[in-house]
Amino acid sequence: MKHTFVIGVLLLSLAMTCCTANERKSKDQKVEQQAEEVQEKKFPQATCILWIDKNKEKTLLNKVVRNVKAKVHIDNLGKITVLEYEKEPHFLLLNKIERCLKTYRVTPEQKEKGRLIDGENYVFLRFVERELKNEKEITK
């Protein structure tokens, strides 16, 4: 009776270690796959920061400034078309970016500096998201 109980406990512990080992292997494989996906989607370094809505007369005091890294296409007239975002922004920010890009144009001076070329570029699109209204928001 004692022998069968001991053998049963040993078999049960053996089965549990096999199951946990398989789970660990599958978790390790999932982590490796996720790491590969992240490396594949990693954007190269941005070549330029474009202020797409900054009014030079206004100050940035008490304002929230956002940066969105994007792969863009710049045509010969300087119009920007977003091809892909590194991290998809909130839809309200997407609307703001689209409104700003309707009127924004890359200047010839920016192209002459050599950081931007006609065609595909990786850039930061920088814009003022909103103005802070009270001191509680400022201290956050």
Protein backbone atom coordinates (compact mmCIF):
# COMPACT_ATOMS: atom_id res chain seq x y z
CA MET A 1 0.00 0.00 0.00
CA LYS A 2 2.83 2.39 0.91
CA HIS A 3 4.70 1.52 -2.27
CA THR A 4 1.76 2.30 -4.53
CA PHE A 5 1.22 5.62 -2.77
CA VAL A 6 4.90 6.59 -3.14
CA ILE A 7 4.94 5.50 -6.78
CA GLY A 8 1.76 7.50 -7.44
CA VAL A 9 3.23 10.63 -5.86
CA LEU A 10 6.43 10.22 -7.87
CA LEU A 11 4.49 9.80 -11.12
CA LEU A 12 2.34 12.81 -10.33
CA SER A 13 5.38 15.01 -9.58
CA LEU A 14 7.09 13.77 -12.77
CA ALA A 15 4.02 14.63 -14.82
CA MET A 16 3.83 18.11 -13.29
CA THR A 17 7.49 18.87 -14.01
CA CYS A 18 7.06 17.77 -17.63
CA CYS A 19 4.02 20.03 -18.04
CA THR A 20 5.75 23.05 -16.52
CA ALA A 21 8.81 22.45 -18.70
CA ASN A 22 6.61 22.43 -21.81
CA GLU A 23 4.88 25.61 -20.67
CA ARG A 24 8.22 27.32 -20.12
CA LYS A 25 9.40 26.32 -23.59
CA SER A 26 6.21 27.66 -25.19
CA LYS A 27 6.47 30.91 -23.19
CA ASP A 28 10.11 31.32 -24.22
CA GLN A 29 9.17 30.78 -27.86
CA LYS A 30 6.39 33.38 -27.60
CA VAL A 31 8.76 35.91 -26.04
CA GLU A 32 11.33 35.31 -28.80
CA GLN A 33 8.67 35.76 -31.49
CA GLN A 34 7.48 39.01 -29.92
CA ALA A 35 11.05 40.29 -29.71
CA GLU A 36 11.59 39.50 -33.40
CA GLU A 37 8.37 41.32 -34.33
CA VAL A 38 9.44 44.39 -32.36
CA GLN A 39 12.85 44.39 -34.06
CA GLU A 40 11.24 44.10 -37.48
CA LYS A 41 8.90 47.03 -36.81
CA LYS A 42 11.59 49.23 -35.26
CA PHE A 43 11.87 52.50 -37.12
CA PRO A 44 15.25 53.94 -38.01
CA GLN A 45 16.39 57.13 -36.33
CA ALA A 46 14.40 60.23 -37.32
CA THR A 47 16.30 62.64 -39.54
CA CYS A 48 14.35 65.77 -38.70
CA ILE A 49 11.76 67.30 -36.37
CA LEU A 50 8.96 69.12 -38.16
CA TRP A 51 6.83 71.63 -36.24
CA ILE A 52 3.61 71.15 -38.14
CA ASP A 53 1.45 73.67 -36.25
CA LYS A 54 3.72 75.99 -34.29
CA ASN A 55 2.82 79.64 -34.50
CA LYS A 56 6.13 81.42 -33.95
CA GLU A 57 4.48 84.44 -32.33
CA LYS A 58 3.04 82.42 -29.45
CA THR A 59 4.95 81.05 -26.50
CA LEU A 60 4.96 77.38 -25.52
CA LEU A 61 4.53 78.18 -21.84
CA ASN A 62 1.74 76.06 -20.26
CA LYS A 63 1.24 73.97 -23.40
CA VAL A 64 1.48 70.23 -24.05
CA VAL A 65 3.78 69.42 -26.96
CA ARG A 66 3.54 66.01 -28.67
CA ASN A 67 6.03 64.18 -30.86
CA VAL A 68 4.87 61.43 -33.19
CA LYS A 69 7.47 59.43 -35.11
CA ALA A 70 6.33 58.64 -38.62
CA LYS A 71 7.45 57.42 -42.01
CA VAL A 72 6.40 60.13 -44.46
CA HIS A 73 6.56 60.83 -48.16
CA ILE A 74 7.57 64.34 -49.21
CA ASP A 75 6.74 65.37 -52.76
CA ASN A 76 8.65 67.96 -54.80
CA LEU A 77 6.28 70.75 -53.67
CA GLY A 78 6.96 69.97 -50.00
CA LYS A 79 3.61 68.34 -49.21
CA ILE A 80 3.81 65.62 -46.57
CA THR A 81 1.87 62.36 -46.72
CA VAL A 82 2.09 60.02 -43.72
CA LEU A 83 2.79 56.43 -44.77
CA GLU A 84 3.13 54.79 -41.36
CA TYR A 85 3.37 55.64 -37.66
CA GLU A 86 5.80 53.99 -35.28
CA LYS A 87 3.07 53.83 -32.62
CA GLU A 88 -0.46 54.50 -33.76
CA PRO A 89 -1.62 57.71 -32.00
CA HIS A 90 -5.07 58.28 -30.56
CA PHE A 91 -7.69 59.12 -33.20
CA LEU A 92 -8.05 62.69 -31.88
CA LEU A 93 -4.32 63.22 -32.39
CA LEU A 94 -4.60 61.69 -35.87
CA ASN A 95 -7.28 64.25 -36.72
CA LYS A 96 -5.05 67.07 -35.45
CA ILE A 97 -2.09 65.78 -37.49
CA GLU A 98 -4.20 65.49 -40.66
CA ARG A 99 -5.54 69.05 -40.23
CA CYS A 100 -2.05 70.43 -39.71
CA LEU A 101 -0.57 68.56 -42.68
CA LYS A 102 -3.19 69.98 -45.06
CA THR A 103 -1.46 73.34 -44.93
CA TYR A 104 2.09 72.49 -43.83
CA ARG A 105 4.80 72.44 -46.50
CA VAL A 106 8.48 71.57 -46.22
CA THR A 107 10.51 74.62 -47.20
CA PRO A 108 13.31 74.51 -49.76
CA GLU A 109 15.70 75.63 -46.98
CA GLN A 110 14.90 72.47 -45.04
CA LYS A 111 15.66 70.36 -48.10
CA GLU A 112 18.90 72.25 -48.77
CA LYS A 113 20.22 71.36 -45.31
CA GLY A 114 20.27 67.76 -46.50
CA ARG A 115 18.21 66.24 -43.72
CA LEU A 116 15.09 65.93 -45.85
CA ILE A 117 14.85 64.62 -49.38
CA ASP A 118 12.00 64.14 -51.80
CA GLY A 119 10.55 60.69 -51.17
CA GLU A 120 10.47 58.63 -47.99
CA ASN A 121 11.79 60.09 -44.73
CA TYR A 122 11.57 59.19 -41.06
CA VAL A 123 10.65 62.27 -39.03
CA PHE A 124 9.14 63.46 -35.78
CA LEU A 125 5.92 65.40 -36.30
CA ARG A 126 5.80 67.89 -33.43
CA PHE A 127 2.68 69.83 -32.53
CA VAL A 128 0.95 71.55 -29.63
CA GLU A 129 -1.73 69.23 -28.34
CA ARG A 130 -3.49 71.56 -25.93
CA GLU A 131 -3.06 74.42 -23.51
CA LEU A 132 -2.93 73.76 -19.78
CA LYS A 133 -5.68 75.67 -18.02
CA ASN A 134 -4.91 75.42 -14.30
CA GLU A 135 -2.01 74.80 -11.91
CA LYS A 136 -3.01 71.18 -11.23
CA GLU A 137 -2.43 70.29 -14.87
CA ILE A 138 0.88 72.18 -14.92
CA THR A 139 2.36 70.24 -12.01
CA LYS A 140 1.48 66.81 -13.47
